[in-house]
Amino acid sequence: MINENIKEIIGKEYKCLNKGFVRLIDIMGDDSSIVQAARVSYGKGTKSVNEDLSLINYLMRNRHTSPFEMVELKFHIKLPIFVARQWIRHRTANVNEYSGRYSEMKNEFYIPESEQLRLQSAINKQGRSEELVDNETSDTVIEQMKNTQEFLFTEYENFLDKKIAREIARINLPLSTYTEWYWKIDLHNLFHFLELRLDHHAQYEIRVYGEVIADILKLAVPYAYTAFEDYMLNSVNLSKKELTALKEIISFDKFDQINFDSHRLKGRELSEFKEKIKKIINI
């Protein structure tokens, strides 16, 4: 299960937004590292690919997360500061960021595409709606953003020319200013990051980075990423109240007639699914 794709993606720059990027700098481990860690407790070596795939699926399905922590990835990421402030809420990574105290800030800012200029959602207090701003307003807002960014950066440069300390000169720069950091995280916590940041409720600008990282993982750890899609990203968790309501909705009359093979359900996973159905029935 050693993945040769890793050699091709290390150091490759994946563009994000207007001036950002994601680069995978280094990786320790791959899919085989996950199964190796899972089997160490009872001393069995690598088995067939199918058995290894089944094991990865089992681990993900049942939230046995520690083997996924055996894979670590280090990224070089360039992103707007307002995206970085959302990103840093994931406190399970090691981060070293570009410093505006030691180095001069760059004249690089995020400007949204016109299709991303939308009205505030009336339902979601922290997000935008699907309703686009009219073209005239969009053009005006984007032009004002550019003018403000240019003015503030010129002001910043003037402060530096006056020998004002860099740590003070930078403080009026906007959140749209680009920053960079090295970000190292294990695969288990990276999957948690993606579960939140690939969700359609996540802000568009951070979701763009999540989608790029997901594309990298599809190449770096394809079996683990497929398991993540099947059992985390595209799955649904239900509360006891929701299960009780679901019991009244679902008809079980044709349960025995279902072709489980067509749904890729078989073996141990099928047994687990039937146990879940029994749990719903007995609530």
Protein backbone atom coordinates (compact mmCIF):
# COMPACT_ATOMS: atom_id res chain seq x y z
CA MET A 1 0.00 0.00 0.00
CA ILE A 2 3.00 2.33 -0.27
CA ASN A 3 1.73 5.34 -2.21
CA GLU A 4 3.95 6.62 -5.02
CA ASN A 5 1.69 9.64 -5.58
CA ILE A 6 3.21 11.30 -2.53
CA LYS A 7 6.45 12.01 -4.39
CA GLU A 8 4.54 13.94 -7.05
CA ILE A 9 2.53 16.16 -4.71
CA ILE A 10 5.23 17.13 -2.20
CA GLY A 11 6.01 20.81 -2.76
CA LYS A 12 3.38 21.28 -5.45
CA GLU A 13 1.56 24.62 -5.16
CA TYR A 14 -2.24 24.52 -5.26
CA LYS A 15 -3.75 27.97 -5.84
CA CYS A 16 -6.49 29.25 -3.50
CA LEU A 17 -8.53 32.44 -3.83
CA ASN A 18 -6.77 35.27 -5.67
CA LYS A 19 -3.29 35.10 -4.12
CA GLY A 20 -3.29 32.17 -1.68
CA PHE A 21 -1.99 28.64 -1.94
CA VAL A 22 -1.56 25.30 -0.19
CA ARG A 23 1.62 23.24 -0.46
CA LEU A 24 2.22 19.87 1.15
CA ILE A 25 5.76 20.20 2.49
CA ASP A 26 6.23 16.85 4.19
CA ILE A 27 4.32 13.74 5.22
CA MET A 28 5.10 10.94 7.63
CA GLY A 29 3.22 7.76 6.82
CA ASP A 30 0.48 6.70 4.44
CA ASP A 31 -2.40 4.21 4.36
CA SER A 32 -0.07 1.36 5.27
CA SER A 33 1.01 3.21 8.42
CA ILE A 34 -2.60 3.20 9.63
CA VAL A 35 -3.06 -0.56 9.32
CA GLN A 36 0.41 -1.21 10.72
CA ALA A 37 -0.45 0.78 13.85
CA ALA A 38 -3.82 -0.90 14.20
CA ARG A 39 -2.32 -4.39 14.05
CA VAL A 40 0.59 -3.82 16.39
CA SER A 41 -1.50 -4.76 19.42
CA TYR A 42 -1.74 -8.37 18.28
CA GLY A 43 1.41 -8.65 16.25
CA LYS A 44 0.13 -9.40 12.75
CA GLY A 45 1.93 -7.96 9.75
CA THR A 46 0.58 -6.45 6.56
CA LYS A 47 -2.16 -8.52 4.93
CA SER A 48 -3.76 -8.24 1.51
CA VAL A 49 -4.90 -4.89 0.14
CA ASN A 50 -8.55 -5.86 0.54
CA GLU A 51 -8.03 -6.83 4.16
CA ASP A 52 -6.18 -3.58 4.79
CA LEU A 53 -9.00 -1.62 3.17
CA SER A 54 -11.55 -3.42 5.31
CA LEU A 55 -9.54 -2.61 8.42
CA ILE A 56 -9.31 1.10 7.57
CA ASN A 57 -13.06 1.17 6.94
CA TYR A 58 -13.70 -0.59 10.24
CA LEU A 59 -11.49 1.83 12.15
CA MET A 60 -13.19 4.87 10.63
CA ARG A 61 -16.69 3.44 10.96
CA ASN A 62 -16.26 2.73 14.65
CA ARG A 63 -14.26 5.88 15.44
CA HIS A 64 -11.08 4.05 16.41
CA THR A 65 -9.05 7.15 15.72
CA SER A 66 -5.58 6.59 17.17
CA PRO A 67 -4.16 4.65 14.14
CA PHE A 68 -4.96 7.66 11.94
CA GLU A 69 -2.79 9.78 14.22
CA MET A 70 0.23 7.81 12.95
CA VAL A 71 0.10 9.85 9.72
CA GLU A 72 1.29 13.45 10.01
CA LEU A 73 1.26 16.14 7.34
CA LYS A 74 3.01 19.50 7.18
CA PHE A 75 1.63 22.24 4.94
CA HIS A 76 2.84 25.66 3.82
CA ILE A 77 -0.28 27.80 3.49
CA LYS A 78 -0.84 31.36 2.30
CA LEU A 79 -4.22 32.76 3.34
CA PRO A 80 -6.03 35.99 4.27
CA ILE A 81 -5.80 36.91 7.95
CA PHE A 82 -9.56 36.63 8.49
CA VAL A 83 -9.43 33.04 7.21
CA ALA A 84 -6.43 32.33 9.42
CA ARG A 85 -8.37 33.50 12.47
CA GLN A 86 -11.11 30.96 11.76
CA TRP A 87 -8.54 28.28 10.96
CA ILE A 88 -6.57 28.72 14.19
CA ARG A 89 -9.63 27.68 16.19
CA HIS A 90 -8.55 24.13 15.34
CA ARG A 91 -6.06 23.89 18.17
CA THR A 92 -4.84 20.37 17.40
CA ALA A 93 -2.02 21.43 15.05
CA ASN A 94 1.45 22.93 15.30
CA VAL A 95 1.62 26.38 13.71
CA ASN A 96 4.39 28.85 12.90
CA GLU A 97 3.15 32.04 11.20
CA TYR A 98 4.80 34.82 9.21
CA SER A 99 5.60 37.66 11.62
CA GLY A 100 4.83 41.30 10.86
CA ARG A 101 7.10 42.20 13.77
CA TYR A 102 10.22 40.70 12.20
CA SER A 103 9.42 41.16 8.51
CA GLU A 104 7.63 43.72 6.38
CA MET A 105 4.10 42.81 5.35
CA LYS A 106 3.52 42.20 1.66
CA ASN A 107 1.24 44.27 -0.56
CA GLU A 108 -1.15 41.35 -1.06
CA PHE A 109 -4.84 41.40 -0.19
CA TYR A 110 -7.90 39.26 -0.76
CA ILE A 111 -10.53 40.67 -3.09
CA PRO A 112 -13.71 38.58 -3.35
CA GLU A 113 -15.16 37.58 -6.69
CA SER A 114 -18.37 39.42 -7.54
CA GLU A 115 -20.40 36.19 -7.20
CA GLN A 116 -19.29 35.95 -3.58
CA LEU A 117 -20.67 39.38 -2.69
CA ARG A 118 -24.00 38.41 -1.18
CA LEU A 119 -26.45 39.77 1.33
CA GLN A 120 -26.43 38.78 4.98
CA SER A 121 -28.51 35.68 5.68
CA ALA A 122 -31.74 36.36 7.56
CA ILE A 123 -31.58 32.83 9.03
CA ASN A 124 -27.88 32.28 9.70
CA LYS A 125 -26.50 35.19 11.72
CA GLN A 126 -22.90 34.28 10.91
CA GLY A 127 -23.13 33.76 7.16
CA ARG A 128 -24.12 35.08 3.78
CA SER A 129 -27.32 34.22 1.95
CA GLU A 130 -27.70 32.88 -1.59
CA GLU A 131 -28.95 36.28 -2.75
CA LEU A 132 -26.39 38.10 -4.89
CA VAL A 133 -25.74 41.82 -4.63
CA ASP A 134 -26.75 43.76 -7.75
CA ASN A 135 -23.98 44.48 -10.27
CA GLU A 136 -23.75 48.20 -9.52
CA THR A 137 -23.39 47.65 -5.78
CA SER A 138 -20.95 44.80 -6.36
CA ASP A 139 -18.69 46.94 -8.54
CA THR A 140 -18.81 49.79 -6.02
CA VAL A 141 -17.99 47.58 -3.02
CA ILE A 142 -15.08 45.84 -4.77
CA GLU A 143 -13.67 49.18 -5.93
CA GLN A 144 -13.94 50.58 -2.40
CA MET A 145 -12.18 47.51 -1.00
CA LYS A 146 -9.30 47.94 -3.45
CA ASN A 147 -8.98 51.68 -2.73
CA THR A 148 -8.99 51.14 1.03
CA GLN A 149 -6.39 48.39 0.79
CA GLU A 150 -4.13 50.55 -1.38
CA PHE A 151 -4.50 53.52 0.96
CA LEU A 152 -3.77 51.50 4.10
CA PHE A 153 -0.73 49.82 2.59
CA THR A 154 0.64 53.16 1.42
CA GLU A 155 0.11 54.45 4.94
CA TYR A 156 1.93 51.39 6.30
CA GLU A 157 4.89 52.04 4.01
CA ASN A 158 4.96 55.69 5.10
CA PHE A 159 5.12 54.59 8.73
CA LEU A 160 8.08 52.35 7.91
CA ASP A 161 9.79 55.24 6.07
CA LYS A 162 9.43 57.28 9.27
CA LYS A 163 11.24 54.44 11.12
CA ILE A 164 8.10 53.48 13.08
CA ALA A 165 8.54 49.98 14.52
CA ARG A 166 7.14 47.27 12.26
CA GLU A 167 5.05 45.86 15.12
CA ILE A 168 3.22 49.22 15.37
CA ALA A 169 3.20 50.17 11.68
CA ARG A 170 1.25 47.03 10.78
CA ILE A 171 -1.70 47.49 13.14
CA ASN A 172 -3.94 49.41 10.72
CA LEU A 173 -3.65 46.82 7.95
CA PRO A 174 -6.97 45.09 7.18
CA LEU A 175 -8.03 41.50 7.80
CA SER A 176 -7.85 40.93 4.04
CA THR A 177 -4.03 41.07 4.22
CA TYR A 178 -2.40 37.75 3.33
CA THR A 179 -0.32 35.89 5.86
CA GLU A 180 1.58 32.59 5.63
CA TRP A 181 2.23 29.74 8.01
CA TYR A 182 3.54 26.22 8.36
CA TRP A 183 0.78 23.98 9.68
CA LYS A 184 1.51 20.44 10.91
CA ILE A 185 -1.31 18.10 11.92
CA ASP A 186 -2.05 14.37 12.22
CA LEU A 187 -4.56 12.74 9.90
CA HIS A 188 -7.22 12.13 12.55
CA ASN A 189 -7.41 15.82 13.45
CA LEU A 190 -7.13 16.85 9.82
CA PHE A 191 -10.23 14.78 9.04
CA HIS A 192 -12.05 16.60 11.85
CA PHE A 193 -10.93 19.92 10.33
CA LEU A 194 -12.26 18.87 6.93
CA GLU A 195 -15.52 17.56 8.33
CA LEU A 196 -16.26 21.09 9.54
CA ARG A 197 -14.65 23.13 6.77
CA LEU A 198 -16.04 21.17 3.81
CA ASP A 199 -19.56 21.60 5.14
CA HIS A 200 -21.71 23.92 3.02
CA HIS A 201 -22.30 26.07 6.13
CA ALA A 202 -18.58 26.87 6.36
CA GLN A 203 -17.49 30.25 5.02
CA TYR A 204 -16.67 30.03 1.32
CA GLU A 205 -13.13 31.35 1.68
CA ILE A 206 -12.02 28.69 4.17
CA ARG A 207 -13.99 26.01 2.32
CA VAL A 208 -11.81 26.66 -0.75
CA TYR A 209 -8.75 25.68 1.28
CA GLY A 210 -10.55 22.65 2.70
CA GLU A 211 -11.37 21.44 -0.82
CA VAL A 212 -7.73 21.76 -1.91
CA ILE A 213 -6.48 19.86 1.15
CA ALA A 214 -9.10 17.19 0.47
CA ASP A 215 -7.78 16.81 -3.09
CA ILE A 216 -4.25 16.37 -1.68
CA LEU A 217 -5.41 13.69 0.75
CA LYS A 218 -7.18 11.79 -2.03
CA LEU A 219 -3.71 11.28 -3.53
CA ALA A 220 -1.68 10.94 -0.34
CA VAL A 221 -3.95 8.56 1.62
CA PRO A 222 -6.61 7.40 -0.86
CA TYR A 223 -8.01 4.52 1.21
CA ALA A 224 -8.25 6.55 4.40
CA TYR A 225 -9.84 9.46 2.55
CA THR A 226 -12.45 7.20 0.96
CA ALA A 227 -13.29 5.85 4.41
CA PHE A 228 -13.54 9.43 5.69
CA GLU A 229 -16.00 10.29 2.91
CA ASP A 230 -18.10 7.19 3.56
CA TYR A 231 -18.23 7.22 7.35
CA MET A 232 -17.71 10.84 8.39
CA LEU A 233 -18.15 13.44 5.66
CA ASN A 234 -21.23 11.94 4.02
CA SER A 235 -22.74 10.24 7.05
CA VAL A 236 -25.41 11.51 9.43
CA ASN A 237 -25.49 11.35 13.22
CA LEU A 238 -28.91 11.19 14.85
CA SER A 239 -29.92 12.01 18.40
CA LYS A 240 -32.21 9.76 20.45
CA LYS A 241 -35.13 12.11 19.73
CA GLU A 242 -34.41 11.96 16.00
CA LEU A 243 -34.17 8.16 16.08
CA THR A 244 -37.53 7.96 17.83
CA ALA A 245 -39.10 10.14 15.15
CA LEU A 246 -37.39 8.11 12.43
CA LYS A 247 -38.91 4.92 13.84
CA GLU A 248 -42.36 6.29 13.10
CA ILE A 249 -41.39 7.31 9.56
CA ILE A 250 -39.58 4.20 8.29
CA SER A 251 -41.42 1.13 7.13
CA PHE A 252 -39.55 -2.11 7.86
CA ASP A 253 -41.91 -4.38 5.91
CA LYS A 254 -39.47 -4.77 3.01
CA PHE A 255 -36.26 -4.85 5.04
CA ASP A 256 -35.46 -8.45 4.11
CA GLN A 257 -35.90 -7.67 0.40
CA ILE A 258 -33.18 -5.00 0.28
CA ASN A 259 -30.19 -5.77 -1.95
CA PHE A 260 -27.44 -4.82 0.48
CA ASP A 261 -24.68 -5.67 -2.01
CA SER A 262 -25.82 -2.81 -4.25
CA HIS A 263 -25.23 -0.47 -1.32
CA ARG A 264 -21.76 -1.95 -0.67
CA LEU A 265 -22.99 -3.38 2.64
CA LYS A 266 -21.71 -6.84 3.49
CA GLY A 267 -19.91 -8.86 6.12
CA ARG A 268 -19.24 -7.18 9.42
CA GLU A 269 -20.48 -3.80 8.22
CA LEU A 270 -23.83 -5.32 7.24
CA SER A 271 -24.13 -6.94 10.67
CA GLU A 272 -23.43 -3.59 12.31
CA PHE A 273 -26.06 -1.93 10.13
CA LYS A 274 -28.68 -4.51 11.11
CA GLU A 275 -27.83 -3.88 14.77
CA LYS A 276 -28.48 -0.18 14.19
CA ILE A 277 -31.85 -0.96 12.63
CA LYS A 278 -32.75 -3.13 15.63
CA LYS A 279 -31.81 -0.25 17.90
CA ILE A 280 -34.19 2.05 16.05
CA ILE A 281 -37.02 -0.50 16.17
CA ASN A 282 -36.60 -1.08 19.90
CA ILE A 283 -36.54 2.61 20.92
